[in-house]
C-alpha cells in the first residue's frame, strides 16, 4: 500500500502546482481538474503494474495503459477547446491537461525526477511564457498587448 501511496501523493502535489496556476488565471479547467487528471494517470499506471504482477502472461502489456491515458486525456482536452467568431480558446488549457497526464504517468512508473522536471517546465511555460507573450508579442489584431 505504501509503495502506491507515495506516487499518488507526489502526483497529487505536482498536479496541484499546475492546477493552481490554471485556477489563478481563471481558466475553465482549474485546480481540481488538473489534480484529478494527474492522480488518475498515476493510478492507471499503478493499476497496470498490479495487473501485470497478478495476472501476468505474454498477452498483458502494461504500456497499453499509457497509450489509453494519452488517448483518453486527448478527448478530455478537446472538450476544453472552443471556437467563437474566428478565435480559438482553450488550447493552453487542453495542453496543460495533457501535460499533467504525462506527469501522472511518469510518477506512476516511479520516474519522480522526470515528473518533477515536467511540472517545473510546465509552470515555466505557463507563467514565464505568458509574461513574455504579453510583453514582446503583438495582440491578435497586431496591437500591443
C-alpha atoms as a PDB file:
ATOM      1  CA  UNK A   1       0.000   0.000   0.000  1.00  0.00           C
ATOM      2  CA  UNK A   2       2.742   2.487   0.962  1.00  0.00           C
ATOM      3  CA  UNK A   3       4.508   1.649  -2.286  1.00  0.00           C
ATOM      4  CA  UNK A   4       1.453   3.028  -4.121  1.00  0.00           C
ATOM      5  CA  UNK A   5       0.623   5.845  -1.717  1.00  0.00           C
ATOM      6  CA  UNK A   6       3.903   7.666  -2.249  1.00  0.00           C
ATOM      7  CA  UNK A   7       3.484   8.056  -6.033  1.00  0.00           C
ATOM      8  CA  UNK A   8      -0.164   9.029  -5.539  1.00  0.00           C
ATOM      9  CA  UNK A   9       0.833  11.776  -3.089  1.00  0.00           C
ATOM     10  CA  UNK A  10       3.602  13.009  -5.389  1.00  0.00           C
ATOM     11  CA  UNK A  11       1.182  13.042  -8.312  1.00  0.00           C
ATOM     12  CA  UNK A  12      -1.362  14.963  -6.262  1.00  0.00           C
ATOM     13  CA  UNK A  13       1.283  17.525  -5.302  1.00  0.00           C
ATOM     14  CA  UNK A  14       2.613  18.033  -8.821  1.00  0.00           C
ATOM     15  CA  UNK A  15      -0.893  18.208 -10.302  1.00  0.00           C
ATOM     16  CA  UNK A  16      -1.731  20.774  -7.633  1.00  0.00           C
ATOM     17  CA  UNK A  17       1.130  23.028  -8.735  1.00  0.00           C
ATOM     18  CA  UNK A  18      -0.064  23.151 -12.336  1.00  0.00           C
ATOM     19  CA  UNK A  19      -3.733  23.299 -11.311  1.00  0.00           C
ATOM     20  CA  UNK A  20      -3.129  26.258  -9.020  1.00  0.00           C
ATOM     21  CA  UNK A  21      -1.550  28.179 -11.874  1.00  0.00           C
ATOM     22  CA  UNK A  22      -4.548  27.478 -14.116  1.00  0.00           C
ATOM     23  CA  UNK A  23      -7.034  28.371 -11.352  1.00  0.00           C
ATOM     24  CA  UNK A  24      -5.209  31.618 -10.616  1.00  0.00           C
ATOM     25  CA  UNK A  25      -5.702  32.552 -14.264  1.00  0.00           C
ATOM     26  CA  UNK A  26      -9.427  31.815 -14.045  1.00  0.00           C
ATOM     27  CA  UNK A  27      -9.254  29.008 -16.612  1.00  0.00           C
ATOM     28  CA  UNK A  28     -12.171  26.584 -17.005  1.00  0.00           C
ATOM     29  CA  UNK A  29     -10.057  23.546 -16.133  1.00  0.00           C
ATOM     30  CA  UNK A  30      -8.509  24.540 -12.837  1.00  0.00           C
ATOM     31  CA  UNK A  31      -7.118  23.029  -9.690  1.00  0.00           C
ATOM     32  CA  UNK A  32      -9.392  20.039  -9.189  1.00  0.00           C
ATOM     33  CA  UNK A  33      -9.404  19.025 -12.850  1.00  0.00           C
ATOM     34  CA  UNK A  34      -5.617  19.072 -13.110  1.00  0.00           C
ATOM     35  CA  UNK A  35      -5.099  17.225  -9.841  1.00  0.00           C
ATOM     36  CA  UNK A  36      -7.621  14.550 -10.783  1.00  0.00           C
ATOM     37  CA  UNK A  37      -6.109  14.033 -14.251  1.00  0.00           C
ATOM     38  CA  UNK A  38      -2.604  13.758 -12.791  1.00  0.00           C
ATOM     39  CA  UNK A  39      -3.691  11.436  -9.985  1.00  0.00           C
ATOM     40  CA  UNK A  40      -5.857   9.353 -12.306  1.00  0.00           C
ATOM     41  CA  UNK A  41      -2.996   8.882 -14.753  1.00  0.00           C
ATOM     42  CA  UNK A  42      -0.762   7.695 -11.940  1.00  0.00           C
ATOM     43  CA  UNK A  43      -3.408   5.294 -10.692  1.00  0.00           C
ATOM     44  CA  UNK A  44      -3.906   3.791 -14.151  1.00  0.00           C
ATOM     45  CA  UNK A  45      -0.192   3.085 -14.444  1.00  0.00           C
ATOM     46  CA  UNK A  46      -0.002   1.682 -10.913  1.00  0.00           C
ATOM     47  CA  UNK A  47      -3.045  -0.484 -11.618  1.00  0.00           C
ATOM     48  CA  UNK A  48      -1.398  -1.802 -14.778  1.00  0.00           C
ATOM     49  CA  UNK A  49       1.657  -2.787 -12.750  1.00  0.00           C
ATOM     50  CA  UNK A  50      -0.581  -4.588 -10.249  1.00  0.00           C
ATOM     51  CA  UNK A  51      -2.411  -6.349 -13.063  1.00  0.00           C
ATOM     52  CA  UNK A  52       0.844  -7.482 -14.618  1.00  0.00           C
ATOM     53  CA  UNK A  53       2.084  -8.869 -11.282  1.00  0.00           C
ATOM     54  CA  UNK A  54      -1.266 -10.518 -10.502  1.00  0.00           C
ATOM     55  CA  UNK A  55      -2.285 -11.846 -13.909  1.00  0.00           C
ATOM     56  CA  UNK A  56       0.971 -11.741 -15.854  1.00  0.00           C
ATOM     57  CA  UNK A  57       1.310 -13.606 -19.084  1.00  0.00           C
ATOM     58  CA  UNK A  58       2.637 -12.733 -22.515  1.00  0.00           C
ATOM     59  CA  UNK A  59      -0.583 -11.022 -23.657  1.00  0.00           C
ATOM     60  CA  UNK A  60      -0.625  -8.440 -20.871  1.00  0.00           C
ATOM     61  CA  UNK A  61       1.288  -5.327 -21.884  1.00  0.00           C
ATOM     62  CA  UNK A  62       1.181  -2.654 -19.160  1.00  0.00           C
ATOM     63  CA  UNK A  63       2.347   0.025 -21.589  1.00  0.00           C
ATOM     64  CA  UNK A  64      -1.028  -0.196 -23.330  1.00  0.00           C
ATOM     65  CA  UNK A  65      -2.481   1.598 -20.328  1.00  0.00           C
ATOM     66  CA  UNK A  66      -0.215   4.561 -21.072  1.00  0.00           C
ATOM     67  CA  UNK A  67      -1.489   4.602 -24.651  1.00  0.00           C
ATOM     68  CA  UNK A  68      -5.044   4.634 -23.294  1.00  0.00           C
ATOM     69  CA  UNK A  69      -4.283   7.515 -20.934  1.00  0.00           C
ATOM     70  CA  UNK A  70      -2.818   9.596 -23.760  1.00  0.00           C
ATOM     71  CA  UNK A  71      -5.834   8.939 -25.970  1.00  0.00           C
ATOM     72  CA  UNK A  72      -8.438   9.461 -23.255  1.00  0.00           C
ATOM     73  CA  UNK A  73      -6.890  12.669 -21.998  1.00  0.00           C
ATOM     74  CA  UNK A  74      -6.748  13.930 -25.576  1.00  0.00           C
ATOM     75  CA  UNK A  75     -10.526  13.678 -25.706  1.00  0.00           C
ATOM     76  CA  UNK A  76     -10.820  15.438 -22.346  1.00  0.00           C
ATOM     77  CA  UNK A  77      -8.571  18.246 -23.583  1.00  0.00           C
ATOM     78  CA  UNK A  78     -10.536  18.527 -26.818  1.00  0.00           C
ATOM     79  CA  UNK A  79     -13.591  19.356 -24.734  1.00  0.00           C
ATOM     80  CA  UNK A  80     -11.757  22.394 -23.367  1.00  0.00           C
ATOM     81  CA  UNK A  81     -11.190  23.905 -26.827  1.00  0.00           C
ATOM     82  CA  UNK A  82     -13.774  26.415 -28.026  1.00  0.00           C
ATOM     83  CA  UNK A  83     -14.129  28.486 -31.167  1.00  0.00           C
ATOM     84  CA  UNK A  84     -16.002  31.777 -31.176  1.00  0.00           C
ATOM     85  CA  UNK A  85     -16.116  34.316 -34.020  1.00  0.00           C
ATOM     86  CA  UNK A  86     -12.949  33.008 -35.630  1.00  0.00           C
ATOM     87  CA  UNK A  87     -10.957  32.914 -32.379  1.00  0.00           C
ATOM     88  CA  UNK A  88      -9.905  29.676 -30.708  1.00  0.00           C
ATOM     89  CA  UNK A  89      -9.860  29.450 -26.913  1.00  0.00           C
ATOM     90  CA  UNK A  90      -8.745  26.701 -24.569  1.00  0.00           C
ATOM     91  CA  UNK A  91      -5.732  25.323 -26.395  1.00  0.00           C
ATOM     92  CA  UNK A  92      -3.392  26.042 -23.492  1.00  0.00           C
ATOM     93  CA  UNK A  93      -5.896  24.538 -21.076  1.00  0.00           C
ATOM     94  CA  UNK A  94      -6.055  21.401 -23.224  1.00  0.00           C
ATOM     95  CA  UNK A  95      -2.264  21.254 -23.346  1.00  0.00           C
ATOM     96  CA  UNK A  96      -1.995  21.716 -19.588  1.00  0.00           C
ATOM     97  CA  UNK A  97      -4.417  18.815 -19.063  1.00  0.00           C
ATOM     98  CA  UNK A  98      -2.269  16.736 -21.389  1.00  0.00           C
ATOM     99  CA  UNK A  99       0.983  17.590 -19.553  1.00  0.00           C
ATOM    100  CA  UNK A 100      -0.449  16.761 -16.124  1.00  0.00           C
ATOM    101  CA  UNK A 101      -1.460  13.365 -17.535  1.00  0.00           C
ATOM    102  CA  UNK A 102       2.138  12.870 -18.679  1.00  0.00           C
ATOM    103  CA  UNK A 103       3.359  13.944 -15.238  1.00  0.00           C
ATOM    104  CA  UNK A 104       0.988  11.441 -13.648  1.00  0.00           C
ATOM    105  CA  UNK A 105       2.194   8.644 -15.929  1.00  0.00           C
ATOM    106  CA  UNK A 106       5.818   9.464 -15.088  1.00  0.00           C
ATOM    107  CA  UNK A 107       5.012   9.330 -11.379  1.00  0.00           C
ATOM    108  CA  UNK A 108       3.187   6.038 -11.906  1.00  0.00           C
ATOM    109  CA  UNK A 109       6.344   4.424 -13.265  1.00  0.00           C
ATOM    110  CA  UNK A 110       8.320   5.992 -10.377  1.00  0.00           C
ATOM    111  CA  UNK A 111      10.190   8.433 -12.637  1.00  0.00           C
ATOM    112  CA  UNK A 112       9.910  11.122  -9.988  1.00  0.00           C
ATOM    113  CA  UNK A 113      12.728  13.330 -11.293  1.00  0.00           C
ATOM    114  CA  UNK A 114      11.196  13.272 -14.783  1.00  0.00           C
ATOM    115  CA  UNK A 115       7.755  14.102 -13.376  1.00  0.00           C
ATOM    116  CA  UNK A 116       9.132  16.920 -11.236  1.00  0.00           C
ATOM    117  CA  UNK A 117      11.110  18.375 -14.149  1.00  0.00           C
ATOM    118  CA  UNK A 118       7.973  18.188 -16.305  1.00  0.00           C
ATOM    119  CA  UNK A 119       5.935  20.022 -13.679  1.00  0.00           C
ATOM    120  CA  UNK A 120       8.568  22.749 -13.272  1.00  0.00           C
ATOM    121  CA  UNK A 121       8.908  23.207 -17.034  1.00  0.00           C
ATOM    122  CA  UNK A 122       5.119  23.294 -17.438  1.00  0.00           C
ATOM    123  CA  UNK A 123       4.918  26.050 -14.837  1.00  0.00           C
ATOM    124  CA  UNK A 124       7.675  27.983 -16.591  1.00  0.00           C
ATOM    125  CA  UNK A 125       5.831  27.712 -19.892  1.00  0.00           C
ATOM    126  CA  UNK A 126       2.506  28.695 -18.346  1.00  0.00           C
ATOM    127  CA  UNK A 127       3.775  31.621 -16.264  1.00  0.00           C
ATOM    128  CA  UNK A 128       7.024  32.953 -17.702  1.00  0.00           C
ATOM    129  CA  UNK A 129       5.991  32.484 -21.317  1.00  0.00           C
ATOM    130  CA  UNK A 130       2.651  34.213 -20.638  1.00  0.00           C
ATOM    131  CA  UNK A 131       4.561  37.217 -19.332  1.00  0.00           C
ATOM    132  CA  UNK A 132       6.905  37.140 -22.367  1.00  0.00           C
ATOM    133  CA  UNK A 133       3.951  36.919 -24.779  1.00  0.00           C
ATOM    134  CA  UNK A 134       2.294  39.940 -23.222  1.00  0.00           C
ATOM    135  CA  UNK A 135       5.492  41.943 -23.158  1.00  0.00           C
ATOM    136  CA  UNK A 136       7.021  41.108 -26.529  1.00  0.00           C
ATOM    137  CA  UNK A 137       4.339  39.809 -28.899  1.00  0.00           C
ATOM    138  CA  UNK A 138       1.549  41.818 -30.525  1.00  0.00           C
ATOM    139  CA  UNK A 139      -2.078  41.084 -29.724  1.00  0.00           C
ATOM    140  CA  UNK A 140      -4.420  39.222 -32.089  1.00  0.00           C
ATOM    141  CA  UNK A 141      -5.099  42.320 -34.219  1.00  0.00           C
ATOM    142  CA  UNK A 142      -1.456  43.441 -34.286  1.00  0.00           C
ATOM    143  CA  UNK A 143      -1.841  45.980 -31.476  1.00  0.00           C
ATOM    144  CA  UNK A 144       0.477  45.781 -28.461  1.00  0.00           C
ATOM    145  CA  UNK A 145      -0.859  43.728 -25.581  1.00  0.00           C
END
